[in-house]
Amino acid sequence: GIDILKAVKQDTPNIPVVIISGHGNIEIAVAAIKQG
């Protein structure tokens, strides 16, 4: 998901992306938010 997020933000940065995960923790959340 993070790889896809990076690709989306590079090519189409105006698309809002909501991340979901069953293995969520604060590190993953921070990584996702940092990537946009």
Full PDB file with SEQRES, HELIX, SHEET, SSBOND, CRYST1, ORIGX, SCALE, CONECT and MASTER records, all heavy atoms in Angstrom:
SEQRES   1 A   36  GLY ILE ASP ILE LEU LYS ALA VAL LYS GLN ASP THR PRO          
SEQRES   2 A   36  ASN ILE PRO VAL VAL ILE ILE SER GLY HIS GLY ASN ILE          
SEQRES   3 A   36  GLU ILE ALA VAL ALA ALA ILE LYS GLN GLY                      
HELIX    1 AA1 ILE A    2  ASP A   11  1                                  10    
HELIX    2 AA2 ILE A   26  LYS A   34  1                                   9    
CRYST1    1.000    1.000    1.000  90.00  90.00  90.00 P 1           1          
ORIGX1      1.000000  0.000000  0.000000        0.00000                         
ORIGX2      0.000000  1.000000  0.000000        0.00000                         
ORIGX3      0.000000  0.000000  1.000000        0.00000                         
SCALE1      1.000000  0.000000  0.000000        0.00000                         
SCALE2      0.000000  1.000000  0.000000        0.00000                         
SCALE3      0.000000  0.000000  1.000000        0.00000                         
ATOM      1  N   GLY A   1       0.800  -1.222   0.000  1.00  0.00           N  
ATOM      2  CA  GLY A   1       0.000   0.000   0.000  1.00  0.00           C  
ATOM      3  C   GLY A   1       0.833   1.272   0.000  1.00  0.00           C  
ATOM      4  O   GLY A   1       0.475   2.268  -0.663  1.00  0.00           O  
ATOM      5  N   ILE A   2       1.938   1.263   0.749  1.00  0.00           N  
ATOM      6  CA  ILE A   2       2.796   2.452   0.795  1.00  0.00           C  
ATOM      7  C   ILE A   2       3.395   2.728  -0.579  1.00  0.00           C  
ATOM      8  O   ILE A   2       3.502   3.891  -1.008  1.00  0.00           O  
ATOM      9  CB  ILE A   2       3.910   2.279   1.849  1.00  0.00           C  
ATOM     10  CG1 ILE A   2       3.314   2.181   3.271  1.00  0.00           C  
ATOM     11  CG2 ILE A   2       4.901   3.426   1.772  1.00  0.00           C  
ATOM     12  CD1 ILE A   2       2.624   3.443   3.738  1.00  0.00           C  
ATOM     13  N   ASP A   3       3.803   1.667  -1.307  1.00  0.00           N  
ATOM     14  CA  ASP A   3       4.342   1.849  -2.659  1.00  0.00           C  
ATOM     15  C   ASP A   3       3.298   2.473  -3.594  1.00  0.00           C  
ATOM     16  O   ASP A   3       3.600   3.376  -4.384  1.00  0.00           O  
ATOM     17  CB  ASP A   3       4.802   0.512  -3.235  1.00  0.00           C  
ATOM     18  CG  ASP A   3       5.992  -0.067  -2.493  1.00  0.00           C  
ATOM     19  OD1 ASP A   3       6.782   0.730  -1.947  1.00  0.00           O  
ATOM     20  OD2 ASP A   3       6.117  -1.302  -2.434  1.00  0.00           O  
ATOM     21  N   ILE A   4       2.061   1.980  -3.493  1.00  0.00           N  
ATOM     22  CA  ILE A   4       0.977   2.531  -4.334  1.00  0.00           C  
ATOM     23  C   ILE A   4       0.713   3.985  -3.955  1.00  0.00           C  
ATOM     24  O   ILE A   4       0.520   4.847  -4.817  1.00  0.00           O  
ATOM     25  CB  ILE A   4      -0.305   1.684  -4.192  1.00  0.00           C  
ATOM     26  CG1 ILE A   4      -0.067   0.268  -4.736  1.00  0.00           C  
ATOM     27  CG2 ILE A   4      -1.466   2.340  -4.928  1.00  0.00           C  
ATOM     28  CD1 ILE A   4      -1.248  -0.676  -4.534  1.00  0.00           C  
ATOM     29  N   LEU A   5       0.719   4.242  -2.636  1.00  0.00           N  
ATOM     30  CA  LEU A   5       0.496   5.610  -2.152  1.00  0.00           C  
ATOM     31  C   LEU A   5       1.540   6.566  -2.736  1.00  0.00           C  
ATOM     32  O   LEU A   5       1.209   7.662  -3.209  1.00  0.00           O  
ATOM     33  CB  LEU A   5       0.538   5.634  -0.621  1.00  0.00           C  
ATOM     34  CG  LEU A   5       0.469   7.005   0.053  1.00  0.00           C  
ATOM     35  CD1 LEU A   5      -0.861   7.689  -0.249  1.00  0.00           C  
ATOM     36  CD2 LEU A   5       0.679   6.865   1.555  1.00  0.00           C  
ATOM     37  N   LYS A   6       2.808   6.147  -2.709  1.00  0.00           N  
ATOM     38  CA  LYS A   6       3.874   6.990  -3.251  1.00  0.00           C  
ATOM     39  C   LYS A   6       3.657   7.254  -4.740  1.00  0.00           C  
ATOM     40  O   LYS A   6       3.827   8.382  -5.218  1.00  0.00           O  
ATOM     41  CB  LYS A   6       5.234   6.320  -3.048  1.00  0.00           C  
ATOM     42  CG  LYS A   6       5.707   6.259  -1.604  1.00  0.00           C  
ATOM     43  CD  LYS A   6       7.054   5.531  -1.522  1.00  0.00           C  
ATOM     44  CE  LYS A   6       7.551   5.438  -0.092  1.00  0.00           C  
ATOM     45  NZ  LYS A   6       8.832   4.683  -0.001  1.00  0.00           N  
ATOM     46  N   ALA A   7       3.271   6.206  -5.475  1.00  0.00           N  
ATOM     47  CA  ALA A   7       3.054   6.358  -6.916  1.00  0.00           C  
ATOM     48  C   ALA A   7       1.892   7.304  -7.201  1.00  0.00           C  
ATOM     49  O   ALA A   7       1.962   8.147  -8.106  1.00  0.00           O  
ATOM     50  CB  ALA A   7       2.797   4.987  -7.551  1.00  0.00           C  
ATOM     51  N   VAL A   8       0.818   7.170  -6.422  1.00  0.00           N  
ATOM     52  CA  VAL A   8      -0.359   8.026  -6.618  1.00  0.00           C  
ATOM     53  C   VAL A   8      -0.005   9.483  -6.335  1.00  0.00           C  
ATOM     54  O   VAL A   8      -0.368  10.390  -7.094  1.00  0.00           O  
ATOM     55  CB  VAL A   8      -1.522   7.560  -5.710  1.00  0.00           C  
ATOM     56  CG1 VAL A   8      -2.639   8.597  -5.685  1.00  0.00           C  
ATOM     57  CG2 VAL A   8      -2.063   6.220  -6.193  1.00  0.00           C  
ATOM     58  N   LYS A   9       0.709   9.712  -5.231  1.00  0.00           N  
ATOM     59  CA  LYS A   9       1.041  11.092  -4.859  1.00  0.00           C  
ATOM     60  C   LYS A   9       2.031  11.729  -5.830  1.00  0.00           C  
ATOM     61  O   LYS A   9       2.069  12.941  -5.969  1.00  0.00           O  
ATOM     62  CB  LYS A   9       1.602  11.123  -3.433  1.00  0.00           C  
ATOM     63  CG  LYS A   9       0.514  10.921  -2.378  1.00  0.00           C  
ATOM     64  CD  LYS A   9      -0.567  11.967  -2.525  1.00  0.00           C  
ATOM     65  CE  LYS A   9      -1.781  11.723  -1.688  1.00  0.00           C  
ATOM     66  NZ  LYS A   9      -2.846  12.724  -1.909  1.00  0.00           N  
ATOM     67  N   GLN A  10       2.801  10.893  -6.512  1.00  0.00           N  
ATOM     68  CA  GLN A  10       3.732  11.429  -7.496  1.00  0.00           C  
ATOM     69  C   GLN A  10       3.018  11.785  -8.799  1.00  0.00           C  
ATOM     70  O   GLN A  10       3.290  12.825  -9.402  1.00  0.00           O  
ATOM     71  CB  GLN A  10       4.836  10.416  -7.780  1.00  0.00           C  
ATOM     72  CG  GLN A  10       5.856  10.912  -8.807  1.00  0.00           C  
ATOM     73  CD  GLN A  10       7.000   9.936  -9.012  1.00  0.00           C  
ATOM     74  OE1 GLN A  10       7.170   9.001  -8.240  1.00  0.00           O  
ATOM     75  NE2 GLN A  10       7.785  10.149 -10.048  1.00  0.00           N  
ATOM     76  N   ASP A  11       2.078  10.915  -9.232  1.00  0.00           N  
ATOM     77  CA  ASP A  11       1.432  11.108 -10.532  1.00  0.00           C  
ATOM     78  C   ASP A  11       0.145  11.928 -10.436  1.00  0.00           C  
ATOM     79  O   ASP A  11      -0.133  12.751 -11.312  1.00  0.00           O  
ATOM     80  CB  ASP A  11       1.120   9.745 -11.167  1.00  0.00           C  
ATOM     81  CG  ASP A  11       2.381   8.941 -11.442  1.00  0.00           C  
ATOM     82  OD1 ASP A  11       3.446   9.563 -11.614  1.00  0.00           O  
ATOM     83  OD2 ASP A  11       2.299   7.702 -11.451  1.00  0.00           O  
ATOM     84  N   THR A  12      -0.651  11.683  -9.403  1.00  0.00           N  
ATOM     85  CA  THR A  12      -1.946  12.375  -9.255  1.00  0.00           C  
ATOM     86  C   THR A  12      -2.107  12.820  -7.802  1.00  0.00           C  
ATOM     87  O   THR A  12      -2.882  12.225  -7.035  1.00  0.00           O  
ATOM     88  CB  THR A  12      -3.111  11.439  -9.657  1.00  0.00           C  
ATOM     89  OG1 THR A  12      -2.964  10.186  -8.974  1.00  0.00           O  
ATOM     90  CG2 THR A  12      -3.144  11.212 -11.148  1.00  0.00           C  
ATOM     91  N   PRO A  13      -1.380  13.845  -7.392  1.00  0.00           N  
ATOM     92  CA  PRO A  13      -1.334  14.227  -5.974  1.00  0.00           C  
ATOM     93  C   PRO A  13      -2.657  14.731  -5.406  1.00  0.00           C  
ATOM     94  O   PRO A  13      -2.828  14.782  -4.193  1.00  0.00           O  
ATOM     95  CB  PRO A  13      -0.280  15.333  -5.946  1.00  0.00           C  
ATOM     96  CG  PRO A  13      -0.263  15.877  -7.335  1.00  0.00           C  
ATOM     97  CD  PRO A  13      -0.539  14.708  -8.225  1.00  0.00           C  
ATOM     98  N   ASN A  14      -3.604  15.097  -6.270  1.00  0.00           N  
ATOM     99  CA  ASN A  14      -4.871  15.639  -5.761  1.00  0.00           C  
ATOM    100  C   ASN A  14      -5.863  14.575  -5.306  1.00  0.00           C  
ATOM    101  O   ASN A  14      -6.910  14.898  -4.745  1.00  0.00           O  
ATOM    102  CB  ASN A  14      -5.531  16.517  -6.828  1.00  0.00           C  
ATOM    103  CG  ASN A  14      -4.803  17.830  -7.014  1.00  0.00           C  
ATOM    104  OD1 ASN A  14      -4.138  18.308  -6.099  1.00  0.00           O  
ATOM    105  ND2 ASN A  14      -4.905  18.414  -8.194  1.00  0.00           N  
ATOM    106  N   ILE A  15      -5.553  13.285  -5.546  1.00  0.00           N  
ATOM    107  CA  ILE A  15      -6.469  12.231  -5.103  1.00  0.00           C  
ATOM    108  C   ILE A  15      -6.273  11.982  -3.610  1.00  0.00           C  
ATOM    109  O   ILE A  15      -5.183  11.596  -3.182  1.00  0.00           O  
ATOM    110  CB  ILE A  15      -6.218  10.905  -5.870  1.00  0.00           C  
ATOM    111  CG1 ILE A  15      -6.421  11.093  -7.359  1.00  0.00           C  
ATOM    112  CG2 ILE A  15      -7.136   9.809  -5.343  1.00  0.00           C  
ATOM    113  CD1 ILE A  15      -6.142   9.834  -8.170  1.00  0.00           C  
ATOM    114  N   PRO A  16      -7.299  12.179  -2.781  1.00  0.00           N  
ATOM    115  CA  PRO A  16      -7.164  11.836  -1.358  1.00  0.00           C  
ATOM    116  C   PRO A  16      -7.080  10.320  -1.190  1.00  0.00           C  
ATOM    117  O   PRO A  16      -7.790   9.561  -1.865  1.00  0.00           O  
ATOM    118  CB  PRO A  16      -8.450  12.382  -0.728  1.00  0.00           C  
ATOM    119  CG  PRO A  16      -9.049  13.298  -1.746  1.00  0.00           C  
ATOM    120  CD  PRO A  16      -8.608  12.781  -3.080  1.00  0.00           C  
ATOM    121  N   VAL A  17      -6.194   9.870  -0.300  1.00  0.00           N  
ATOM    122  CA  VAL A  17      -5.997   8.440  -0.067  1.00  0.00           C  
ATOM    123  C   VAL A  17      -6.254   8.137   1.411  1.00  0.00           C  
ATOM    124  O   VAL A  17      -5.619   8.733   2.288  1.00  0.00           O  
ATOM    125  CB  VAL A  17      -4.569   7.994  -0.449  1.00  0.00           C  
ATOM    126  CG1 VAL A  17      -4.397   6.490  -0.183  1.00  0.00           C  
ATOM    127  CG2 VAL A  17      -4.282   8.319  -1.911  1.00  0.00           C  
ATOM    128  N   VAL A  18      -7.198   7.235   1.669  1.00  0.00           N  
ATOM    129  CA  VAL A  18      -7.482   6.774   3.024  1.00  0.00           C  
ATOM    130  C   VAL A  18      -6.862   5.385   3.190  1.00  0.00           C  
ATOM    131  O   VAL A  18      -7.196   4.460   2.443  1.00  0.00           O  
ATOM    132  CB  VAL A  18      -8.995   6.721   3.305  1.00  0.00           C  
ATOM    133  CG1 VAL A  18      -9.260   6.128   4.690  1.00  0.00           C  
ATOM    134  CG2 VAL A  18      -9.601   8.119   3.199  1.00  0.00           C  
ATOM    135  N   ILE A  19      -5.955   5.244   4.139  1.00  0.00           N  
ATOM    136  CA  ILE A  19      -5.253   3.984   4.378  1.00  0.00           C  
ATOM    137  C   ILE A  19      -6.022   3.153   5.410  1.00  0.00           C  
ATOM    138  O   ILE A  19      -6.461   3.678   6.444  1.00  0.00           O  
ATOM    139  CB  ILE A  19      -3.825   4.236   4.892  1.00  0.00           C  
ATOM    140  CG1 ILE A  19      -2.979   4.937   3.817  1.00  0.00           C  
ATOM    141  CG2 ILE A  19      -3.151   2.950   5.334  1.00  0.00           C  
ATOM    142  CD1 ILE A  19      -2.669   4.084   2.620  1.00  0.00           C  
ATOM    143  N   ILE A  20      -6.183   1.839   5.144  1.00  0.00           N  
ATOM    144  CA  ILE A  20      -6.773   0.909   6.118  1.00  0.00           C  
ATOM    145  C   ILE A  20      -5.828  -0.269   6.302  1.00  0.00           C  
ATOM    146  O   ILE A  20      -5.110  -0.661   5.375  1.00  0.00           O  
ATOM    147  CB  ILE A  20      -8.163   0.402   5.672  1.00  0.00           C  
ATOM    148  CG1 ILE A  20      -8.093  -0.278   4.302  1.00  0.00           C  
ATOM    149  CG2 ILE A  20      -9.177   1.534   5.654  1.00  0.00           C  
ATOM    150  CD1 ILE A  20      -9.409  -0.913   3.873  1.00  0.00           C  
ATOM    151  N   SER A  21      -5.807  -0.832   7.511  1.00  0.00           N  
ATOM    152  CA  SER A  21      -4.938  -1.986   7.758  1.00  0.00           C  
ATOM    153  C   SER A  21      -5.402  -2.746   8.989  1.00  0.00           C  
ATOM    154  O   SER A  21      -5.812  -2.152   9.986  1.00  0.00           O  
ATOM    155  CB  SER A  21      -3.487  -1.534   7.950  1.00  0.00           C  
ATOM    156  OG  SER A  21      -2.676  -2.654   8.269  1.00  0.00           O  
ATOM    157  N   GLY A  22      -5.317  -4.069   8.881  1.00  0.00           N  
ATOM    158  CA  GLY A  22      -5.632  -4.908  10.041  1.00  0.00           C  
ATOM    159  C   GLY A  22      -4.432  -5.093  10.945  1.00  0.00           C  
ATOM    160  O   GLY A  22      -4.522  -5.728  11.993  1.00  0.00           O  
ATOM    161  N   HIS A  23      -3.300  -4.589  10.531  1.00  0.00           N  
ATOM    162  CA  HIS A  23      -2.079  -4.731  11.326  1.00  0.00           C  
ATOM    163  C   HIS A  23      -1.564  -3.355  11.718  1.00  0.00           C  
ATOM    164  O   HIS A  23      -0.372  -3.121  11.777  1.00  0.00           O  
ATOM    165  CB  HIS A  23      -1.013  -5.496  10.526  1.00  0.00           C  
ATOM    166  CG  HIS A  23      -1.532  -6.750   9.912  1.00  0.00           C  
ATOM    167  ND1 HIS A  23      -1.654  -7.921  10.616  1.00  0.00           N  
ATOM    168  CD2 HIS A  23      -1.979  -7.002   8.653  1.00  0.00           C  
ATOM    169  CE1 HIS A  23      -2.154  -8.851   9.813  1.00  0.00           C  
ATOM    170  NE2 HIS A  23      -2.356  -8.316   8.617  1.00  0.00           N  
ATOM    171  N   GLY A  24      -2.477  -2.447  11.910  1.00  0.00           N  
ATOM    172  CA  GLY A  24      -2.111  -1.049  12.102  1.00  0.00           C  
ATOM    173  C   GLY A  24      -1.377  -0.795  13.399  1.00  0.00           C  
ATOM    174  O   GLY A  24      -1.636  -1.429  14.423  1.00  0.00           O  
ATOM    175  N   ASN A  25      -0.448   0.101  13.335  1.00  0.00           N  
ATOM    176  CA  ASN A  25       0.212   0.623  14.518  1.00  0.00           C  
ATOM    177  C   ASN A  25       0.628   2.055  14.215  1.00  0.00           C  
ATOM    178  O   ASN A  25       0.503   2.536  13.089  1.00  0.00           O  
ATOM    179  CB  ASN A  25       1.410  -0.237  14.925  1.00  0.00           C  
ATOM    180  CG  ASN A  25       2.376  -0.434  13.779  1.00  0.00           C  
ATOM    181  OD1 ASN A  25       2.717   0.512  13.085  1.00  0.00           O  
ATOM    182  ND2 ASN A  25       2.804  -1.679  13.572  1.00  0.00           N  
ATOM    183  N   ILE A  26       1.137   2.749  15.205  1.00  0.00           N  
ATOM    184  CA  ILE A  26       1.441   4.161  15.050  1.00  0.00           C  
ATOM    185  C   ILE A  26       2.527   4.401  14.006  1.00  0.00           C  
ATOM    186  O   ILE A  26       2.504   5.380  13.270  1.00  0.00           O  
ATOM    187  CB  ILE A  26       1.828   4.777  16.409  1.00  0.00           C  
ATOM    188  CG1 ILE A  26       1.925   6.309  16.291  1.00  0.00           C  
ATOM    189  CG2 ILE A  26       3.144   4.195  16.914  1.00  0.00           C  
ATOM    190  CD1 ILE A  26       0.643   6.979  15.898  1.00  0.00           C  
ATOM    191  N   GLU A  27       3.493   3.444  13.901  1.00  0.00           N  
ATOM    192  CA  GLU A  27       4.567   3.613  12.921  1.00  0.00           C  
ATOM    193  C   GLU A  27       4.022   3.583  11.492  1.00  0.00           C  
ATOM    194  O   GLU A  27       4.418   4.377  10.634  1.00  0.00           O  
ATOM    195  CB  GLU A  27       5.634   2.525  13.092  1.00  0.00           C  
ATOM    196  CG  GLU A  27       6.519   2.675  14.333  1.00  0.00           C  
ATOM    197  CD  GLU A  27       5.815   2.203  15.603  1.00  0.00           C  
ATOM    198  OE1 GLU A  27       4.764   1.538  15.480  1.00  0.00           O  
ATOM    199  OE2 GLU A  27       6.299   2.519  16.706  1.00  0.00           O  
ATOM    200  N   ILE A  28       3.096   2.645  11.240  1.00  0.00           N  
ATOM    201  CA  ILE A  28       2.511   2.552   9.901  1.00  0.00           C  
ATOM    202  C   ILE A  28       1.689   3.803   9.599  1.00  0.00           C  
ATOM    203  O   ILE A  28       1.742   4.360   8.498  1.00  0.00           O  
ATOM    204  CB  ILE A  28       1.634   1.289   9.780  1.00  0.00           C  
ATOM    205  CG1 ILE A  28       2.504   0.026   9.889  1.00  0.00           C  
ATOM    206  CG2 ILE A  28       0.867   1.287   8.463  1.00  0.00           C  
ATOM    207  CD1 ILE A  28       1.713  -1.261   9.884  1.00  0.00           C  
ATOM    208  N   ALA A  29       0.927   4.243  10.593  1.00  0.00           N  
ATOM    209  CA  ALA A  29       0.102   5.445  10.405  1.00  0.00           C  
ATOM    210  C   ALA A  29       0.969   6.654  10.081  1.00  0.00           C  
ATOM    211  O   ALA A  29       0.680   7.425   9.168  1.00  0.00           O  
ATOM    212  CB  ALA A  29      -0.730   5.709  11.659  1.00  0.00           C  
ATOM    213  N   VAL A  30       2.064   6.810  10.845  1.00  0.00           N  
ATOM    214  CA  VAL A  30       2.969   7.942  10.618  1.00  0.00           C  
ATOM    215  C   VAL A  30       3.580   7.854   9.223  1.00  0.00           C  
ATOM    216  O   VAL A  30       3.663   8.860   8.498  1.00  0.00           O  
ATOM    217  CB  VAL A  30       4.073   7.973  11.695  1.00  0.00           C  
ATOM    218  CG1 VAL A  30       5.173   8.960  11.307  1.00  0.00           C  
ATOM    219  CG2 VAL A  30       3.482   8.352  13.051  1.00  0.00           C  
ATOM    220  N   ALA A  31       4.006   6.619   8.827  1.00  0.00           N  
ATOM    221  CA  ALA A  31       4.601   6.442   7.506  1.00  0.00           C  
ATOM    222  C   ALA A  31       3.612   6.809   6.403  1.00  0.00           C  
ATOM    223  O   ALA A  31       3.969   7.471   5.415  1.00  0.00           O  
ATOM    224  CB  ALA A  31       5.080   5.004   7.336  1.00  0.00           C  
ATOM    225  N   ALA A  32       2.354   6.409   6.575  1.00  0.00           N  
ATOM    226  CA  ALA A  32       1.334   6.697   5.566  1.00  0.00           C  
ATOM    227  C   ALA A  32       1.039   8.192   5.479  1.00  0.00           C  
ATOM    228  O   ALA A  32       0.941   8.764   4.384  1.00  0.00           O  
ATOM    229  CB  ALA A  32       0.048   5.926   5.890  1.00  0.00           C  
ATOM    230  N   ILE A  33       0.897   8.841   6.629  1.00  0.00           N  
ATOM    231  CA  ILE A  33       0.606  10.273   6.646  1.00  0.00           C  
ATOM    232  C   ILE A  33       1.773  11.050   6.040  1.00  0.00           C  
ATOM    233  O   ILE A  33       1.583  12.012   5.285  1.00  0.00           O  
ATOM    234  CB  ILE A  33       0.316  10.766   8.081  1.00  0.00           C  
ATOM    235  CG1 ILE A  33      -0.944  10.084   8.647  1.00  0.00           C  
ATOM    236  CG2 ILE A  33       0.158  12.276   8.112  1.00  0.00           C  
ATOM    237  CD1 ILE A  33      -2.216  10.409   7.903  1.00  0.00           C  
ATOM    238  N   LYS A  34       3.009  10.641   6.348  1.00  0.00           N  
ATOM    239  CA  LYS A  34       4.179  11.326   5.796  1.00  0.00           C  
ATOM    240  C   LYS A  34       4.218  11.245   4.274  1.00  0.00           C  
ATOM    241  O   LYS A  34       4.716  12.141   3.605  1.00  0.00           O  
ATOM    242  CB  LYS A  34       5.460  10.725   6.371  1.00  0.00           C  
ATOM    243  CG  LYS A  34       5.819  11.234   7.767  1.00  0.00           C  
ATOM    244  CD  LYS A  34       7.167  10.685   8.205  1.00  0.00           C  
ATOM    245  CE  LYS A  34       7.599  11.289   9.540  1.00  0.00           C  
ATOM    246  NZ  LYS A  34       8.917  10.774   9.974  1.00  0.00           N  
ATOM    247  N   GLN A  35       3.723  10.132   3.752  1.00  0.00           N  
ATOM    248  CA  GLN A  35       3.725   9.957   2.299  1.00  0.00           C  
ATOM    249  C   GLN A  35       2.543  10.641   1.627  1.00  0.00           C  
ATOM    250  O   GLN A  35       2.393  10.571   0.408  1.00  0.00           O  
ATOM    251  CB  GLN A  35       3.734   8.465   1.943  1.00  0.00           C  
ATOM    252  CG  GLN A  35       4.997   7.736   2.361  1.00  0.00           C  
ATOM    253  CD  GLN A  35       6.242   8.295   1.701  1.00  0.00           C  
ATOM    254  OE1 GLN A  35       6.185   8.781   0.579  1.00  0.00           O  
ATOM    255  NE2 GLN A  35       7.365   8.229   2.405  1.00  0.00           N  
ATOM    256  N   GLY A  36       1.684  11.301   2.428  1.00  0.00           N  
ATOM    257  CA  GLY A  36       0.597  12.091   1.836  1.00  0.00           C  
ATOM    258  C   GLY A  36      -0.785  11.510   1.978  1.00  0.00           C  
ATOM    259  O   GLY A  36      -1.734  12.014   1.364  1.00  0.00           O  
TER     260      GLY A  36                                                      
MASTER        0    0    0    2    0    0    0    6  259    1    0    3          
END                                                                             
